[in-house]
N, C-alpha and C. Protein backbone atom coordinates (compact mmCIF):
# COMPACT_ATOMS: atom_id res chain seq x y z
N MET A 1 -7.05 -3.86 27.78
CA MET A 1 -7.12 -3.77 26.33
C MET A 1 -7.89 -2.51 25.92
N THR A 2 -8.97 -2.19 26.59
CA THR A 2 -9.74 -1.01 26.22
C THR A 2 -9.00 0.27 26.53
N ASP A 3 -8.13 0.24 27.57
CA ASP A 3 -7.35 1.42 27.90
C ASP A 3 -6.37 1.75 26.78
N ALA A 4 -5.73 0.72 26.24
CA ALA A 4 -4.81 0.92 25.12
C ALA A 4 -5.57 1.38 23.88
N LYS A 5 -6.78 0.86 23.70
CA LYS A 5 -7.59 1.25 22.54
C LYS A 5 -8.01 2.71 22.65
N THR A 6 -8.39 3.17 23.84
CA THR A 6 -8.77 4.57 23.98
C THR A 6 -7.56 5.49 23.83
N GLN A 7 -6.38 5.03 24.27
CA GLN A 7 -5.18 5.84 24.07
C GLN A 7 -4.85 5.97 22.59
N MET A 8 -4.98 4.88 21.86
CA MET A 8 -4.73 4.93 20.41
C MET A 8 -5.76 5.81 19.72
N GLU A 9 -7.00 5.73 20.16
CA GLU A 9 -8.06 6.56 19.56
C GLU A 9 -7.81 8.04 19.85
N SER A 10 -7.40 8.37 21.06
CA SER A 10 -7.12 9.78 21.38
C SER A 10 -5.89 10.26 20.61
N LEU A 11 -4.88 9.40 20.44
CA LEU A 11 -3.71 9.76 19.64
C LEU A 11 -4.10 9.97 18.18
N ARG A 12 -4.94 9.11 17.65
CA ARG A 12 -5.41 9.24 16.27
C ARG A 12 -6.16 10.55 16.08
N LYS A 13 -7.03 10.89 17.04
CA LYS A 13 -7.78 12.15 16.93
C LYS A 13 -6.85 13.35 16.96
N TRP A 14 -5.82 13.29 17.83
CA TRP A 14 -4.89 14.41 17.91
C TRP A 14 -4.14 14.56 16.60
N VAL A 15 -3.70 13.44 16.01
CA VAL A 15 -2.98 13.50 14.74
C VAL A 15 -3.88 14.06 13.64
N VAL A 16 -5.15 13.65 13.62
CA VAL A 16 -6.08 14.16 12.60
C VAL A 16 -6.25 15.67 12.75
N GLU A 17 -6.35 16.15 13.98
CA GLU A 17 -6.56 17.57 14.21
C GLU A 17 -5.29 18.41 14.02
N HIS A 18 -4.12 17.81 14.17
CA HIS A 18 -2.86 18.55 14.11
C HIS A 18 -1.89 17.88 13.13
N LYS A 19 -2.31 17.68 11.90
CA LYS A 19 -1.48 16.99 10.91
C LYS A 19 -0.16 17.70 10.66
N LEU A 20 -0.22 18.99 10.39
CA LEU A 20 1.00 19.73 10.06
C LEU A 20 1.94 19.81 11.26
N ARG A 21 1.40 19.98 12.44
CA ARG A 21 2.24 20.01 13.64
C ARG A 21 2.92 18.67 13.84
N THR A 22 2.19 17.58 13.59
CA THR A 22 2.77 16.25 13.73
C THR A 22 3.91 16.04 12.75
N VAL A 23 3.69 16.40 11.49
CA VAL A 23 4.73 16.24 10.47
C VAL A 23 5.93 17.14 10.80
N GLY A 24 5.67 18.37 11.24
CA GLY A 24 6.75 19.28 11.60
C GLY A 24 7.58 18.77 12.77
N CYS A 25 6.90 18.24 13.78
CA CYS A 25 7.63 17.69 14.94
C CYS A 25 8.45 16.47 14.55
N LEU A 26 7.89 15.62 13.69
CA LEU A 26 8.65 14.47 13.22
C LEU A 26 9.87 14.91 12.41
N TRP A 27 9.69 15.93 11.58
CA TRP A 27 10.81 16.43 10.79
C TRP A 27 11.90 16.98 11.70
N LEU A 28 11.49 17.79 12.68
CA LEU A 28 12.46 18.39 13.59
C LEU A 28 13.19 17.33 14.41
N SER A 29 12.47 16.36 14.91
CA SER A 29 13.13 15.30 15.68
C SER A 29 14.01 14.44 14.78
N GLY A 30 13.58 14.23 13.55
CA GLY A 30 14.38 13.44 12.61
C GLY A 30 15.68 14.12 12.25
N ILE A 31 15.61 15.40 11.94
CA ILE A 31 16.84 16.09 11.56
C ILE A 31 17.75 16.27 12.78
N SER A 32 17.17 16.48 13.97
CA SER A 32 17.99 16.59 15.18
C SER A 32 18.69 15.27 15.49
N GLY A 33 17.95 14.20 15.42
CA GLY A 33 18.55 12.88 15.67
C GLY A 33 19.60 12.52 14.65
N SER A 34 19.34 12.85 13.40
CA SER A 34 20.29 12.54 12.35
C SER A 34 21.56 13.37 12.48
N ILE A 35 21.41 14.64 12.84
CA ILE A 35 22.60 15.48 13.06
C ILE A 35 23.41 14.95 14.23
N ALA A 36 22.70 14.57 15.31
CA ALA A 36 23.41 14.02 16.47
C ALA A 36 24.15 12.73 16.11
N TYR A 37 23.50 11.88 15.33
CA TYR A 37 24.15 10.63 14.91
C TYR A 37 25.34 10.91 14.01
N ASN A 38 25.16 11.78 13.03
CA ASN A 38 26.25 12.07 12.09
C ASN A 38 27.41 12.79 12.77
N TRP A 39 27.15 13.60 13.79
CA TRP A 39 28.22 14.31 14.47
C TRP A 39 29.07 13.34 15.29
N SER A 40 28.53 12.16 15.60
CA SER A 40 29.32 11.18 16.35
C SER A 40 30.28 10.42 15.43
N ARG A 41 30.20 10.65 14.15
CA ARG A 41 31.08 10.00 13.17
C ARG A 41 32.15 10.99 12.75
N PRO A 42 33.35 10.88 13.29
CA PRO A 42 34.37 11.91 13.10
C PRO A 42 35.01 11.94 11.71
N ASN A 43 34.89 10.90 10.93
CA ASN A 43 35.60 10.87 9.65
C ASN A 43 34.78 11.42 8.48
N MET A 44 33.73 12.19 8.76
CA MET A 44 32.91 12.78 7.70
C MET A 44 33.07 14.30 7.71
N LYS A 45 33.01 14.90 6.52
CA LYS A 45 33.05 16.35 6.44
C LYS A 45 31.72 16.91 6.95
N THR A 46 31.77 18.15 7.43
CA THR A 46 30.57 18.79 7.98
C THR A 46 29.47 18.91 6.93
N SER A 47 29.83 19.24 5.71
CA SER A 47 28.81 19.37 4.66
C SER A 47 28.13 18.04 4.38
N VAL A 48 28.86 16.95 4.43
CA VAL A 48 28.28 15.62 4.20
C VAL A 48 27.35 15.26 5.36
N LYS A 49 27.73 15.62 6.58
CA LYS A 49 26.88 15.36 7.74
C LYS A 49 25.55 16.08 7.60
N ILE A 50 25.59 17.33 7.17
CA ILE A 50 24.37 18.12 7.02
C ILE A 50 23.50 17.56 5.89
N ILE A 51 24.13 17.17 4.80
CA ILE A 51 23.37 16.59 3.68
C ILE A 51 22.71 15.29 4.11
N HIS A 52 23.42 14.45 4.83
CA HIS A 52 22.83 13.19 5.31
C HIS A 52 21.66 13.45 6.26
N ALA A 53 21.83 14.43 7.14
CA ALA A 53 20.75 14.77 8.07
C ALA A 53 19.51 15.25 7.31
N ARG A 54 19.72 16.06 6.29
CA ARG A 54 18.59 16.55 5.49
C ARG A 54 17.90 15.42 4.77
N LEU A 55 18.67 14.50 4.21
CA LEU A 55 18.07 13.36 3.50
C LEU A 55 17.28 12.46 4.45
N HIS A 56 17.83 12.22 5.64
CA HIS A 56 17.10 11.41 6.62
C HIS A 56 15.81 12.10 7.03
N ALA A 57 15.87 13.42 7.23
CA ALA A 57 14.68 14.17 7.63
C ALA A 57 13.64 14.16 6.50
N GLN A 58 14.08 14.25 5.26
CA GLN A 58 13.14 14.20 4.14
C GLN A 58 12.44 12.85 4.07
N ALA A 59 13.18 11.78 4.26
CA ALA A 59 12.58 10.45 4.24
C ALA A 59 11.57 10.29 5.38
N LEU A 60 11.92 10.79 6.56
CA LEU A 60 11.00 10.72 7.68
C LEU A 60 9.76 11.57 7.43
N THR A 61 9.92 12.72 6.80
CA THR A 61 8.78 13.58 6.48
C THR A 61 7.85 12.90 5.49
N LEU A 62 8.41 12.26 4.47
CA LEU A 62 7.56 11.54 3.52
C LEU A 62 6.81 10.41 4.20
N ALA A 63 7.47 9.71 5.11
CA ALA A 63 6.79 8.65 5.85
C ALA A 63 5.68 9.23 6.73
N ALA A 64 5.93 10.38 7.35
CA ALA A 64 4.92 11.02 8.19
C ALA A 64 3.74 11.49 7.36
N LEU A 65 4.00 12.04 6.19
CA LEU A 65 2.91 12.47 5.30
C LEU A 65 2.09 11.27 4.83
N ALA A 66 2.75 10.18 4.52
CA ALA A 66 2.03 8.97 4.12
C ALA A 66 1.19 8.45 5.29
N GLY A 67 1.75 8.49 6.49
CA GLY A 67 0.99 8.07 7.66
C GLY A 67 -0.20 8.98 7.91
N ALA A 68 -0.03 10.29 7.74
CA ALA A 68 -1.14 11.23 7.91
C ALA A 68 -2.22 10.97 6.86
N ALA A 69 -1.81 10.62 5.64
CA ALA A 69 -2.79 10.30 4.60
C ALA A 69 -3.57 9.04 4.94
N VAL A 70 -2.90 8.05 5.50
CA VAL A 70 -3.60 6.82 5.91
C VAL A 70 -4.58 7.12 7.04
N VAL A 71 -4.17 7.94 8.01
CA VAL A 71 -5.07 8.30 9.11
C VAL A 71 -6.27 9.07 8.57
N GLU A 72 -6.04 9.98 7.64
CA GLU A 72 -7.13 10.76 7.05
C GLU A 72 -8.08 9.86 6.28
N TYR A 73 -7.54 8.92 5.52
CA TYR A 73 -8.37 7.97 4.77
C TYR A 73 -9.23 7.15 5.72
N TYR A 74 -8.60 6.65 6.78
CA TYR A 74 -9.33 5.85 7.77
C TYR A 74 -10.41 6.69 8.43
N ASP A 75 -10.10 7.95 8.73
CA ASP A 75 -11.07 8.83 9.37
C ASP A 75 -12.25 9.12 8.45
N HIS A 76 -11.98 9.27 7.16
CA HIS A 76 -13.08 9.49 6.21
C HIS A 76 -13.98 8.27 6.10
N LYS A 77 -13.39 7.10 6.18
CA LYS A 77 -14.17 5.87 6.02
C LYS A 77 -14.97 5.50 7.25
N SER A 78 -14.39 5.73 8.44
CA SER A 78 -15.07 5.19 9.62
C SER A 78 -15.20 6.17 10.77
N GLY A 79 -14.65 7.35 10.65
CA GLY A 79 -14.63 8.25 11.79
C GLY A 79 -15.74 9.28 11.76
N GLU A 80 -15.49 10.37 12.46
CA GLU A 80 -16.48 11.44 12.57
C GLU A 80 -16.73 12.11 11.22
N LYS A 81 -15.72 12.17 10.37
CA LYS A 81 -15.92 12.81 9.07
C LYS A 81 -16.89 12.04 8.21
N ALA A 82 -16.91 10.71 8.35
CA ALA A 82 -17.87 9.91 7.60
C ALA A 82 -19.28 10.27 8.03
N ALA A 83 -19.49 10.48 9.32
CA ALA A 83 -20.81 10.87 9.82
C ALA A 83 -21.16 12.27 9.34
N GLN A 84 -20.18 13.18 9.32
CA GLN A 84 -20.44 14.54 8.84
C GLN A 84 -20.79 14.52 7.35
N LEU A 85 -20.09 13.73 6.57
CA LEU A 85 -20.38 13.64 5.15
C LEU A 85 -21.76 13.03 4.90
N ALA A 86 -22.15 12.08 5.73
CA ALA A 86 -23.47 11.46 5.58
C ALA A 86 -24.58 12.47 5.87
N ARG A 87 -24.35 13.41 6.82
CA ARG A 87 -25.35 14.40 7.16
C ARG A 87 -25.33 15.58 6.18
N ASP A 88 -24.24 15.83 5.53
CA ASP A 88 -24.11 16.99 4.64
C ASP A 88 -24.86 16.74 3.34
N PRO A 89 -25.84 17.56 3.01
CA PRO A 89 -26.64 17.33 1.79
C PRO A 89 -25.88 17.58 0.49
N ARG A 90 -24.72 18.27 0.56
CA ARG A 90 -23.97 18.56 -0.67
C ARG A 90 -23.23 17.34 -1.18
N HIS A 91 -23.09 16.28 -0.38
CA HIS A 91 -22.32 15.11 -0.79
C HIS A 91 -23.23 13.96 -1.06
């Protein structure tokens, strides 16, 4: 159980430190997966396939941004940033 907890903690720290990279990778994998899925459907026009892929990638990006916001909120409340804010005299 503690091994899984440390893996989740290290993943959370990586996401906090690399928010934009995480969102970008999710967007790229989302649009790639969506294009691959749409290309397997032969009865659609190419322009419709591209539009669907873009819409799927946008939805995944919004979900990733919301997830990054939740991680940031959690980090402010209980993580290292909370300790930094407590020590910072300006706050």
